């Protein structure tokens, strides 16, 4: 039984932990739905820990403090993804606690684990429970409590692992996203694997692949999440040299308004940043005011999510029919997706203007729908043909309802009655679409000509059923023009879906503007979360 560890022992523990993560990398990836459902936590934790294992492999450092410092520095520079950066923070605090120590006993090891947790909580801008933070905190608390009574490191670490397992099992109850998916936290699982590998190394054992029973954690169904759920699309990470005297905390403040999952870590030489944002260019431009960039990594998490879903669906095959009719909807925005699911959509496909899904994207969702006949609502004229191509590629009967906008899709689905025959359903749905007028308010990304109008980059544009009705540099004027156009056509109900770039307050002001000129209309405001369009407005 071991009463202390030194630098060489710590090196063996870290190398064993890297091997343990590698063996369970895919299983961890399949749990990764938080903070975004992009399925890469196992990969990121693996790459992060491998950086430390590789650096430690070059040394024979007997001092635990120096070995831990070497690992922490390598982890910081090699950290990948949200989970990797948090992992580096756990070891950063761990190393600081052990600074100057040749070896450590159970109490010192437990204290170092606790200091690592404190460092992580302090650096993460918005700590979330039901994550690796929770698991590491409860594991450290158990280690400290037992270390006050026991001097044996293996015994203390084993108790810490038991606490981590209990905490991990409870993450599904603490985090709403995990609860929706019915899975435990991926980062917390990775941390448990590290602790177990540490204990194996202390016992002179190698990390081994999990047994079938150990590997049977539930997998997340990534298709239950839409790319539209990912509000900030780009995982942006970089290391910048500290060449100027600007306080890194100012960078915290600047970046907090541009995204989420923000972590800023600094030492005497560098600043390491992880953030999810829609404006990576703005982020990097600001970073350059602190010094030159050493490394940069930008990943499109919406694309990662789509690729993960596609890979899982290829394994799934064609769902057996459980009912006569099913519905597949193409839409963009978490709010819009929620509306369609509430109306009975079996599956959604992320897409719309500027991001048209392929025939294959739509076909996968048709095949996953447990119905004999699948109605498809493309909700965009440019997607209708891709949807129609699916008819000859599946054993299911595919009926494409040629909806041109998301409001038309909503109106059509409101007419759905499972007791009707196909012809009656199609007739009712098409009639519902004809009653809907759709206004879309967007902006010009570049100078262009449209319908004989000269458009400048940055102009606000309003289109009524695809026809340009207003151009202006002022958003208020555009909404006034929209209200004027709607007042000239029959309407009883007006629904305003506001997009991802519009605040709730701005949306309420827009409704007020519309209400002044449409006093007889019943106006409903819904957060659509759609990209591209500031507002999608339906009138019936």
Protein backbone atom coordinates (compact mmCIF):
# COMPACT_ATOMS: atom_id res chain seq x y z
CA UNK A 1 0.00 0.00 0.00
CA UNK A 2 1.36 3.40 -0.97
CA UNK A 3 1.75 6.33 1.42
CA UNK A 4 3.17 8.89 -1.05
CA UNK A 5 3.78 9.61 -4.72
CA UNK A 6 6.75 11.31 -6.39
CA UNK A 7 7.40 12.69 -9.88
CA UNK A 8 8.08 9.32 -11.47
CA UNK A 9 4.90 7.85 -10.01
CA UNK A 10 2.90 10.83 -11.20
CA UNK A 11 4.35 10.38 -14.69
CA UNK A 12 3.14 6.74 -14.73
CA UNK A 13 -0.30 7.86 -13.51
CA UNK A 14 -0.65 10.45 -16.28
CA UNK A 15 0.52 8.08 -19.03
CA UNK A 16 -1.92 5.45 -17.76
CA UNK A 17 -4.72 8.04 -17.70
CA UNK A 18 -4.01 8.99 -21.32
CA UNK A 19 -4.27 5.31 -22.29
CA UNK A 20 -7.49 4.94 -20.30
CA UNK A 21 -9.09 7.90 -22.07
CA UNK A 22 -8.02 6.54 -25.44
CA UNK A 23 -9.76 3.23 -24.71
CA UNK A 24 -13.03 4.97 -23.83
CA UNK A 25 -12.83 7.94 -26.17
CA UNK A 26 -15.73 6.93 -28.41
CA UNK A 27 -17.98 5.98 -25.50
CA UNK A 28 -17.39 9.45 -24.03
CA UNK A 29 -18.03 11.12 -27.40
CA UNK A 30 -21.40 9.36 -27.57
CA UNK A 31 -22.47 11.06 -24.33
CA UNK A 32 -21.47 14.57 -25.40
CA UNK A 33 -24.59 16.73 -25.68
CA UNK A 34 -23.54 19.49 -23.24
CA UNK A 35 -22.65 22.34 -23.58
CA UNK A 36 -23.29 21.60 -27.27
CA UNK A 37 -24.28 18.30 -28.95
CA UNK A 38 -21.17 17.94 -31.12
CA UNK A 39 -19.87 14.57 -29.90
CA UNK A 40 -16.19 15.40 -29.37
CA UNK A 41 -15.56 15.51 -25.60
CA UNK A 42 -13.74 12.16 -25.55
CA UNK A 43 -11.53 13.22 -28.44
CA UNK A 44 -10.77 16.59 -26.87
CA UNK A 45 -9.94 15.18 -23.44
CA UNK A 46 -7.75 12.55 -25.09
CA UNK A 47 -5.79 15.09 -27.09
CA UNK A 48 -5.41 17.32 -24.05
CA UNK A 49 -4.09 14.60 -21.75
CA UNK A 50 -1.86 13.18 -24.49
CA UNK A 51 -0.06 16.53 -24.62
CA UNK A 52 0.89 16.15 -20.96
CA UNK A 53 1.75 12.46 -21.23
CA UNK A 54 4.04 13.16 -24.19
CA UNK A 55 5.85 15.94 -22.34
CA UNK A 56 6.26 13.87 -19.17
CA UNK A 57 7.52 10.97 -21.28
CA UNK A 58 10.58 13.05 -22.17
CA UNK A 59 11.65 13.49 -18.53
CA UNK A 60 12.70 11.44 -15.53
CA UNK A 61 11.72 14.14 -13.06
CA UNK A 62 11.66 12.79 -9.51
CA UNK A 63 10.22 15.96 -7.98
CA UNK A 64 6.43 15.73 -7.88
CA UNK A 65 6.07 19.52 -7.90
CA UNK A 66 8.16 19.89 -11.06
CA UNK A 67 6.48 16.94 -12.79
CA UNK A 68 3.04 18.40 -12.02
CA UNK A 69 4.19 21.81 -13.30
CA UNK A 70 5.42 20.22 -16.55
CA UNK A 71 2.08 18.46 -16.98
CA UNK A 72 0.06 21.61 -16.22
CA UNK A 73 2.02 23.69 -18.75
CA UNK A 74 1.59 21.05 -21.47
CA UNK A 75 -2.10 20.68 -20.68
CA UNK A 76 -2.70 24.41 -20.94
CA UNK A 77 -1.02 24.65 -24.33
CA UNK A 78 -2.57 21.43 -25.64
CA UNK A 79 -6.08 21.91 -24.24
CA UNK A 80 -8.83 21.18 -26.77
CA UNK A 81 -12.49 22.07 -26.41
CA UNK A 82 -14.41 23.13 -23.35
CA UNK A 83 -13.71 19.85 -21.54
CA UNK A 84 -9.99 19.98 -22.34
CA UNK A 85 -9.60 23.52 -21.05
CA UNK A 86 -11.43 22.67 -17.81
CA UNK A 87 -9.24 19.58 -17.45
CA UNK A 88 -6.15 21.77 -17.82
CA UNK A 89 -7.50 24.06 -15.10
CA UNK A 90 -7.99 21.14 -12.71
CA UNK A 91 -4.33 20.19 -13.15
CA UNK A 92 -3.20 23.81 -13.04
CA UNK A 93 -4.55 24.24 -9.51
CA UNK A 94 -3.25 20.76 -8.67
CA UNK A 95 0.28 21.75 -9.73
CA UNK A 96 0.22 25.04 -7.85
CA UNK A 97 -0.73 23.20 -4.67
CA UNK A 98 2.23 20.84 -5.07
CA UNK A 99 4.78 23.47 -6.05
CA UNK A 100 8.16 22.85 -4.41
CA UNK A 101 7.22 19.41 -3.10
CA UNK A 102 9.40 16.39 -3.82
CA UNK A 103 6.58 14.01 -2.94
CA UNK A 104 3.07 14.07 -1.50
CA UNK A 105 1.05 11.93 0.88
CA UNK A 106 -2.68 11.34 0.92
CA UNK A 107 -3.57 14.62 2.63
CA UNK A 108 -1.40 16.67 0.25
CA UNK A 109 -2.79 14.85 -2.78
CA UNK A 110 -6.37 15.46 -1.63
CA UNK A 111 -5.58 19.13 -1.00
CA UNK A 112 -4.12 19.41 -4.51
CA UNK A 113 -7.26 17.88 -6.03
CA UNK A 114 -9.36 20.40 -4.12
CA UNK A 115 -7.17 23.31 -5.24
CA UNK A 116 -7.58 22.11 -8.83
CA UNK A 117 -11.35 22.24 -8.47
CA UNK A 118 -11.16 25.78 -7.05
CA UNK A 119 -9.01 26.92 -9.97
CA UNK A 120 -11.50 25.50 -12.47
CA UNK A 121 -14.55 27.08 -10.85
CA UNK A 122 -12.84 30.47 -10.69
CA UNK A 123 -11.74 30.47 -14.35
CA UNK A 124 -15.01 29.27 -15.90
CA UNK A 125 -17.21 32.33 -16.45
CA UNK A 126 -20.53 30.53 -15.87
CA UNK A 127 -19.91 27.23 -14.03
CA UNK A 128 -22.63 24.67 -14.69
CA UNK A 129 -23.49 21.87 -12.30
CA UNK A 130 -24.08 18.34 -13.52
CA UNK A 131 -20.74 18.48 -15.35
CA UNK A 132 -17.07 17.60 -14.89
CA UNK A 133 -16.96 20.43 -12.35
CA UNK A 134 -19.50 18.69 -10.11
CA UNK A 135 -17.84 15.30 -10.42
CA UNK A 136 -14.35 16.63 -9.67
CA UNK A 137 -15.61 18.72 -6.74
CA UNK A 138 -17.40 15.87 -4.99
CA UNK A 139 -14.49 13.51 -5.64
CA UNK A 140 -12.05 16.01 -4.08
CA UNK A 141 -14.32 16.61 -1.09
CA UNK A 142 -14.42 12.87 -0.37
CA UNK A 143 -10.65 12.60 -0.76
CA UNK A 144 -10.06 15.45 1.72
CA UNK A 145 -12.51 14.03 4.25
CA UNK A 146 -10.91 10.56 4.20
CA UNK A 147 -7.32 11.82 4.02
CA UNK A 148 -7.78 13.41 7.44
CA UNK A 149 -8.18 9.86 8.81
CA UNK A 150 -6.17 7.69 6.41
CA UNK A 151 -2.60 7.98 5.16
CA UNK A 152 -2.87 5.41 2.39
CA UNK A 153 -3.16 7.09 -1.02
CA UNK A 154 -4.78 4.11 -2.75
CA UNK A 155 -7.50 3.94 -0.13
CA UNK A 156 -8.18 7.67 -0.40
CA UNK A 157 -8.21 7.56 -4.21
CA UNK A 158 -10.57 4.57 -4.20
CA UNK A 159 -13.02 6.47 -1.99
CA UNK A 160 -12.70 9.48 -4.29
CA UNK A 161 -13.57 7.26 -7.27
CA UNK A 162 -16.66 5.94 -5.50
CA UNK A 163 -17.81 9.52 -4.87
CA UNK A 164 -17.09 10.45 -8.49
CA UNK A 165 -19.21 7.50 -9.73
CA UNK A 166 -22.12 8.56 -7.55
CA UNK A 167 -21.80 12.18 -8.67
CA UNK A 168 -21.56 11.13 -12.32
CA UNK A 169 -24.72 9.04 -12.10
CA UNK A 170 -26.55 12.08 -10.71
CA UNK A 171 -25.46 14.50 -13.45
CA UNK A 172 -28.46 13.44 -15.54
CA UNK A 173 -30.70 14.87 -12.81
CA UNK A 174 -28.78 18.12 -12.37
CA UNK A 175 -28.43 19.21 -15.98
CA UNK A 176 -31.61 19.76 -18.08
CA UNK A 177 -29.80 19.02 -21.35
CA UNK A 178 -28.52 15.70 -20.04
CA UNK A 179 -31.98 14.90 -18.68
CA UNK A 180 -33.48 15.50 -22.13
CA UNK A 181 -30.96 13.12 -23.68
CA UNK A 182 -31.12 10.62 -20.82
CA UNK A 183 -27.33 10.41 -20.43
CA UNK A 184 -24.62 11.19 -17.90
CA UNK A 185 -22.11 13.98 -18.48
CA UNK A 186 -19.33 13.22 -20.95
CA UNK A 187 -16.68 15.37 -19.25
CA UNK A 188 -17.52 13.88 -15.86
CA UNK A 189 -17.17 10.41 -17.35
CA UNK A 190 -13.75 11.35 -18.71
CA UNK A 191 -12.63 12.61 -15.30
CA UNK A 192 -13.75 9.34 -13.67
CA UNK A 193 -11.72 7.40 -16.24
CA UNK A 194 -8.65 9.46 -15.28
CA UNK A 195 -9.09 8.76 -11.57
CA UNK A 196 -9.55 5.04 -12.22
CA UNK A 197 -6.42 4.99 -14.37
CA UNK A 198 -4.51 6.79 -11.60
CA UNK A 199 -5.47 4.06 -9.13
CA UNK A 200 -4.53 1.32 -11.60
CA UNK A 201 -1.09 2.88 -12.07
CA UNK A 202 -0.54 3.03 -8.31
CA UNK A 203 -1.33 -0.68 -8.15
CA UNK A 204 1.09 -1.41 -10.98
CA UNK A 205 -1.70 -2.18 -13.46
CA UNK A 206 -2.20 -0.89 -16.97
CA UNK A 207 -5.35 0.91 -18.06
CA UNK A 208 -7.44 -1.60 -19.98
CA UNK A 209 -10.43 -1.18 -22.32
CA UNK A 210 -13.74 -1.28 -20.44
CA UNK A 211 -15.65 -4.53 -20.20
CA UNK A 212 -19.00 -4.84 -21.95
CA UNK A 213 -20.84 -4.12 -18.71
CA UNK A 214 -18.69 -1.08 -17.98
CA UNK A 215 -19.11 0.29 -21.49
CA UNK A 216 -22.91 0.09 -21.48
CA UNK A 217 -23.64 3.74 -20.62
CA UNK A 218 -26.63 5.00 -22.58
CA UNK A 219 -25.74 6.79 -25.79
CA UNK A 220 -27.20 10.16 -26.63
CA UNK A 221 -29.49 10.30 -29.64
CA UNK A 222 -27.96 13.33 -31.31
CA UNK A 223 -30.92 13.53 -33.68
CA UNK A 224 -32.99 14.68 -30.70
CA UNK A 225 -31.01 17.90 -30.91
CA UNK A 226 -30.96 20.26 -33.85
CA UNK A 227 -28.01 22.20 -35.20
CA UNK A 228 -30.30 25.16 -34.54
CA UNK A 229 -29.99 24.42 -30.80
CA UNK A 230 -26.36 25.51 -31.06
CA UNK A 231 -26.75 29.25 -30.59
CA UNK A 232 -23.06 30.04 -31.00
CA UNK A 233 -21.69 28.06 -33.93
CA UNK A 234 -17.91 28.35 -33.70
CA UNK A 235 -15.75 26.76 -31.02
CA UNK A 236 -12.87 29.24 -31.01
CA UNK A 237 -9.64 28.55 -29.17
CA UNK A 238 -6.33 30.33 -29.25
CA UNK A 239 -3.14 31.05 -27.36
CA UNK A 240 -1.77 34.58 -27.47
CA UNK A 241 1.61 35.75 -26.22
CA UNK A 242 1.53 38.24 -23.35
CA UNK A 243 3.48 40.92 -25.19
CA UNK A 244 1.45 43.89 -24.02
CA UNK A 245 0.53 44.93 -20.50
CA UNK A 246 -3.23 44.64 -20.92
CA UNK A 247 -5.00 42.82 -18.10
CA UNK A 248 -6.43 39.46 -19.31
CA UNK A 249 -9.53 40.13 -17.23
CA UNK A 250 -10.42 42.86 -19.76
CA UNK A 251 -10.47 40.11 -22.37
CA UNK A 252 -12.93 38.22 -20.14
CA UNK A 253 -15.24 41.21 -20.15
CA UNK A 254 -14.98 41.76 -23.91
CA UNK A 255 -15.62 38.12 -24.85
CA UNK A 256 -18.51 37.58 -22.44
CA UNK A 257 -20.69 39.68 -24.74
CA UNK A 258 -19.77 37.66 -27.84
CA UNK A 259 -20.62 34.11 -26.83
CA UNK A 260 -20.68 31.49 -24.09
CA UNK A 261 -18.63 28.59 -22.67
CA UNK A 262 -15.94 31.18 -22.02
CA UNK A 263 -12.73 30.24 -20.23
CA UNK A 264 -9.70 32.54 -20.05
CA UNK A 265 -6.51 31.20 -18.46
CA UNK A 266 -3.26 33.14 -18.20
CA UNK A 267 0.27 32.75 -16.89
CA UNK A 268 3.40 34.88 -17.16
CA UNK A 269 3.90 34.12 -20.85
CA UNK A 270 0.57 33.31 -22.53
CA UNK A 271 -3.20 33.68 -22.41
CA UNK A 272 -5.28 30.63 -23.37
CA UNK A 273 -8.88 31.28 -24.43
CA UNK A 274 -11.83 29.02 -25.21
CA UNK A 275 -15.16 30.53 -26.31
CA UNK A 276 -18.21 29.58 -28.37
CA UNK A 277 -19.13 32.51 -30.61
CA UNK A 278 -20.65 33.52 -33.93
CA UNK A 279 -17.90 36.11 -34.48
CA UNK A 280 -14.50 34.37 -34.38
CA UNK A 281 -12.96 37.14 -36.49
CA UNK A 282 -13.94 39.78 -33.93
CA UNK A 283 -12.58 37.58 -31.13
CA UNK A 284 -9.19 37.11 -32.82
CA UNK A 285 -8.91 40.78 -33.72
CA UNK A 286 -9.31 41.69 -30.06
CA UNK A 287 -6.86 38.96 -29.04
CA UNK A 288 -4.17 40.55 -31.21
CA UNK A 289 -4.25 43.66 -29.02
CA UNK A 290 -2.72 41.52 -26.25
CA UNK A 291 0.09 40.06 -28.36
CA UNK A 292 0.79 37.76 -31.31
CA UNK A 293 -1.19 34.57 -31.76
CA UNK A 294 0.66 31.31 -31.17
CA UNK A 295 -2.12 28.85 -32.04
CA UNK A 296 -5.67 29.19 -33.37
CA UNK A 297 -8.40 26.56 -33.76
CA UNK A 298 -11.91 27.29 -35.03
CA UNK A 299 -14.48 24.52 -35.48
CA UNK A 300 -18.05 24.75 -36.75
CA UNK A 301 -20.01 22.91 -34.06
CA UNK A 302 -23.20 22.83 -36.14
CA UNK A 303 -21.31 20.91 -38.81
CA UNK A 304 -19.84 18.60 -36.17
CA UNK A 305 -23.32 17.94 -34.85
CA UNK A 306 -24.66 17.17 -38.34
CA UNK A 307 -21.78 14.81 -39.07
CA UNK A 308 -22.33 13.00 -35.77
CA UNK A 309 -26.04 12.62 -36.48
CA UNK A 310 -25.32 11.35 -40.00
CA UNK A 311 -22.87 8.75 -38.73
CA UNK A 312 -25.34 7.46 -36.15
CA UNK A 313 -28.20 7.39 -38.63
CA UNK A 314 -26.21 5.34 -41.10
CA UNK A 315 -25.97 2.69 -38.40
CA UNK A 316 -29.66 2.90 -37.56
CA UNK A 317 -31.11 1.89 -40.96
CA UNK A 318 -34.85 2.28 -41.69
CA UNK A 319 -37.29 2.57 -38.78
CA UNK A 320 -40.10 -0.01 -38.79
CA UNK A 321 -43.58 1.51 -39.19
CA UNK A 322 -45.47 2.09 -35.94
CA UNK A 323 -48.21 4.25 -37.47
CA UNK A 324 -49.61 5.20 -40.86
CA UNK A 325 -48.46 8.84 -41.11
CA UNK A 326 -45.29 10.61 -40.06
CA UNK A 327 -43.92 14.12 -40.64
CA UNK A 328 -40.45 15.46 -41.42
CA UNK A 329 -39.86 19.22 -41.35
CA UNK A 330 -37.01 21.38 -42.63
CA UNK A 331 -36.52 24.38 -40.35
CA UNK A 332 -33.92 26.63 -38.75
CA UNK A 333 -33.80 27.89 -35.16
CA UNK A 334 -34.40 26.14 -31.85
CA UNK A 335 -37.69 27.99 -31.29
CA UNK A 336 -39.01 27.12 -34.74
CA UNK A 337 -38.03 23.49 -34.23
CA UNK A 338 -39.89 23.42 -30.91
CA UNK A 339 -43.04 24.75 -32.62
CA UNK A 340 -42.90 22.04 -35.27
CA UNK A 341 -42.27 19.30 -32.73
CA UNK A 342 -45.23 20.53 -30.69
CA UNK A 343 -47.34 20.22 -33.84
CA UNK A 344 -46.33 16.58 -34.24
CA UNK A 345 -43.17 16.57 -36.34
CA UNK A 346 -41.39 13.23 -35.94
CA UNK A 347 -38.06 14.53 -37.25
CA UNK A 348 -36.57 17.88 -38.17
CA UNK A 349 -33.82 18.71 -40.65
CA UNK A 350 -31.74 21.81 -40.01
CA UNK A 351 -31.89 24.06 -43.05
CA UNK A 352 -33.38 27.02 -44.81
CA UNK A 353 -32.20 30.07 -46.68
CA UNK A 354 -28.42 29.96 -47.35
CA UNK A 355 -28.12 26.50 -45.75
CA UNK A 356 -30.12 24.11 -47.88
CA UNK A 357 -29.96 20.48 -46.74
CA UNK A 358 -29.12 17.77 -49.25
CA UNK A 359 -31.42 14.98 -50.42
CA UNK A 360 -29.36 12.65 -48.23
CA UNK A 361 -29.96 14.82 -45.15
CA UNK A 362 -33.72 14.69 -45.68
CA UNK A 363 -33.70 10.98 -46.59
CA UNK A 364 -32.01 10.03 -43.33
CA UNK A 365 -34.79 11.67 -41.31
CA UNK A 366 -37.47 10.06 -43.48
CA UNK A 367 -35.91 6.64 -42.83
CA UNK A 368 -35.80 7.35 -39.10
CA UNK A 369 -39.52 8.17 -39.01
CA UNK A 370 -41.53 5.13 -37.81
CA UNK A 371 -44.38 5.49 -40.31
CA UNK A 372 -45.58 3.99 -43.59
CA UNK A 373 -46.25 7.37 -45.22
CA UNK A 374 -44.01 10.33 -44.50
CA UNK A 375 -45.08 13.90 -45.26
CA UNK A 376 -42.16 16.26 -45.85
CA UNK A 377 -42.43 20.04 -45.37
CA UNK A 378 -39.43 21.71 -47.09
CA UNK A 379 -40.49 25.27 -46.11
CA UNK A 380 -38.31 26.79 -48.84
CA UNK A 381 -38.67 26.74 -52.62
CA UNK A 382 -35.00 25.78 -53.03
CA UNK A 383 -35.46 22.64 -50.93
CA UNK A 384 -38.57 21.21 -52.61
CA UNK A 385 -36.68 19.43 -55.37
CA UNK A 386 -34.18 17.86 -52.94
CA UNK A 387 -37.12 16.59 -50.87
CA UNK A 388 -38.89 15.16 -53.92
CA UNK A 389 -35.79 13.15 -54.85
CA UNK A 390 -36.27 11.10 -51.69
CA UNK A 391 -39.40 9.40 -53.02
CA UNK A 392 -37.49 6.85 -55.08
CA UNK A 393 -34.77 6.23 -52.51
CA UNK A 394 -36.71 4.69 -49.63
CA UNK A 395 -39.19 1.91 -49.04
CA UNK A 396 -41.49 4.41 -47.30
CA UNK A 397 -44.05 6.42 -49.24
CA UNK A 398 -42.94 10.06 -49.38
CA UNK A 399 -45.36 12.95 -49.93
CA UNK A 400 -43.80 16.40 -50.27
CA UNK A 401 -46.09 19.27 -49.28
CA UNK A 402 -44.60 22.20 -51.26
CA UNK A 403 -44.43 24.72 -48.41
CA UNK A 404 -42.38 27.80 -49.29
CA UNK A 405 -41.95 29.26 -45.80
CA UNK A 406 -41.94 28.04 -42.21
CA UNK A 407 -45.28 29.79 -41.48
CA UNK A 408 -46.80 27.86 -44.40
CA UNK A 409 -45.41 24.67 -42.88
CA UNK A 410 -47.01 25.52 -39.53
CA UNK A 411 -50.37 26.28 -41.16
CA UNK A 412 -50.25 23.01 -43.11
CA UNK A 413 -49.42 20.92 -40.05
CA UNK A 414 -52.27 22.50 -38.09
CA UNK A 415 -54.62 20.85 -40.61
CA UNK A 416 -53.21 17.39 -40.05
CA UNK A 417 -55.73 14.71 -39.03
CA UNK A 418 -54.53 11.13 -38.86
CA UNK A 419 -58.01 9.80 -39.65
CA UNK A 420 -58.08 11.37 -43.15
CA UNK A 421 -56.88 9.73 -46.35
CA UNK A 422 -53.82 11.04 -48.16
CA UNK A 423 -55.72 13.01 -50.82
CA UNK A 424 -57.87 14.80 -48.26
CA UNK A 425 -54.84 15.67 -46.15
CA UNK A 426 -52.96 17.10 -49.12
CA UNK A 427 -55.98 19.17 -50.15
CA UNK A 428 -56.47 20.62 -46.66
CA UNK A 429 -52.77 21.37 -46.23
CA UNK A 430 -52.39 23.11 -49.58
CA UNK A 431 -55.47 25.22 -48.88
CA UNK A 432 -54.01 26.24 -45.52
CA UNK A 433 -50.75 27.27 -47.19
CA UNK A 434 -52.65 29.49 -49.63
CA UNK A 435 -54.20 31.44 -46.74
CA UNK A 436 -50.84 32.39 -45.24
CA UNK A 437 -48.90 35.53 -46.14
CA UNK A 438 -45.27 35.55 -44.99
CA UNK A 439 -43.04 38.55 -44.38
CA UNK A 440 -39.31 38.02 -43.90
CA UNK A 441 -37.08 40.80 -42.59
CA UNK A 442 -33.38 40.35 -43.26
CA UNK A 443 -30.29 42.30 -44.26
CA UNK A 444 -28.07 42.61 -47.32
CA UNK A 445 -24.73 40.84 -46.93
CA UNK A 446 -23.34 42.59 -50.03
CA UNK A 447 -24.21 45.16 -52.70
CA UNK A 448 -26.60 43.72 -55.29
CA UNK A 449 -29.60 44.24 -57.57
CA UNK A 450 -32.98 42.63 -56.80
CA UNK A 451 -36.30 43.15 -58.57
CA UNK A 452 -34.83 46.23 -60.22
CA UNK A 453 -33.78 47.74 -56.87
CA UNK A 454 -30.24 48.72 -55.96
CA UNK A 455 -29.30 47.22 -52.60
CA UNK A 456 -26.31 48.19 -50.49
CA UNK A 457 -24.49 46.01 -47.99
CA UNK A 458 -26.08 46.44 -44.55
CA UNK A 459 -29.51 47.49 -45.83
CA UNK A 460 -32.55 46.08 -44.05
CA UNK A 461 -34.84 44.23 -46.47
CA UNK A 462 -38.48 43.17 -46.13
CA UNK A 463 -40.00 40.57 -48.44
CA UNK A 464 -43.67 39.61 -48.68
CA UNK A 465 -44.04 36.09 -50.10
CA UNK A 466 -40.65 36.54 -51.77
CA UNK A 467 -41.42 39.97 -53.23
CA UNK A 468 -39.28 42.88 -52.06
CA UNK A 469 -41.53 45.48 -50.40
CA UNK A 470 -39.07 47.71 -48.52
CA UNK A 471 -35.41 48.68 -48.24
CA UNK A 472 -34.08 50.95 -45.52
CA UNK A 473 -31.05 51.61 -43.34
CA UNK A 474 -33.32 51.95 -40.31
CA UNK A 475 -34.92 48.88 -38.72
CA UNK A 476 -37.83 50.90 -37.34
CA UNK A 477 -38.70 52.22 -40.79
CA UNK A 478 -38.62 48.68 -42.19
CA UNK A 479 -41.10 47.48 -39.57
CA UNK A 480 -43.35 50.43 -40.34
CA UNK A 481 -43.32 49.44 -44.01
CA UNK A 482 -44.14 45.85 -43.07
CA UNK A 483 -47.12 46.98 -40.98
CA UNK A 484 -48.32 49.13 -43.88
CA UNK A 485 -48.12 46.19 -46.28
CA UNK A 486 -49.95 43.85 -43.90
CA UNK A 487 -52.71 46.39 -43.28
CA UNK A 488 -53.66 46.18 -46.97
CA UNK A 489 -54.30 42.43 -46.96
CA UNK A 490 -56.95 40.40 -45.08
CA UNK A 491 -55.72 39.12 -41.71
CA UNK A 492 -57.02 38.06 -38.32
CA UNK A 493 -53.95 36.50 -36.79
CA UNK A 494 -50.37 37.76 -37.00
CA UNK A 495 -47.48 35.75 -35.57
CA UNK A 496 -44.03 37.26 -35.17
CA UNK A 497 -41.08 34.87 -34.91
CA UNK A 498 -37.94 36.73 -33.88
CA UNK A 499 -34.50 35.49 -34.81
CA UNK A 500 -31.23 34.70 -33.05
CA UNK A 501 -29.88 38.24 -33.56
CA UNK A 502 -32.91 39.94 -31.95
CA UNK A 503 -33.37 40.46 -28.21
CA UNK A 504 -36.74 39.89 -26.54
CA UNK A 505 -36.98 43.62 -25.81
CA UNK A 506 -36.38 44.50 -29.47
CA UNK A 507 -38.99 41.95 -30.50
CA UNK A 508 -41.55 43.42 -28.12
CA UNK A 509 -40.88 46.88 -29.57
CA UNK A 510 -41.43 45.43 -33.06
CA UNK A 511 -44.79 44.00 -31.98
CA UNK A 512 -45.74 47.40 -30.59
CA UNK A 513 -44.91 49.03 -33.94
CA UNK A 514 -47.01 46.46 -35.81
CA UNK A 515 -49.87 46.75 -33.33
CA UNK A 516 -50.24 50.49 -33.93
CA UNK A 517 -51.12 49.90 -37.59
CA UNK A 518 -52.84 46.55 -37.15
CA UNK A 519 -55.23 47.30 -34.28
CA UNK A 520 -57.69 44.53 -35.19
CA UNK A 521 -55.12 41.75 -35.45
CA UNK A 522 -54.37 39.24 -32.73
CA UNK A 523 -50.55 39.40 -32.60
CA UNK A 524 -48.49 36.58 -31.06
CA UNK A 525 -44.75 36.83 -30.36
CA UNK A 526 -42.58 33.69 -30.43
CA UNK A 527 -38.81 33.25 -30.14
CA UNK A 528 -37.96 31.40 -33.35
CA UNK A 529 -34.19 31.62 -32.93
CA UNK A 530 -33.80 31.48 -36.71
CA UNK A 531 -30.60 32.73 -38.38
CA UNK A 532 -30.56 35.08 -41.41
CA UNK A 533 -34.01 36.57 -40.75
CA UNK A 534 -34.49 39.08 -37.94
CA UNK A 535 -38.23 38.50 -38.17
CA UNK A 536 -40.48 36.00 -39.91
CA UNK A 537 -44.06 37.27 -39.72
CA UNK A 538 -47.13 35.32 -40.77
CA UNK A 539 -50.57 36.79 -41.41
CA UNK A 540 -53.76 34.74 -41.82
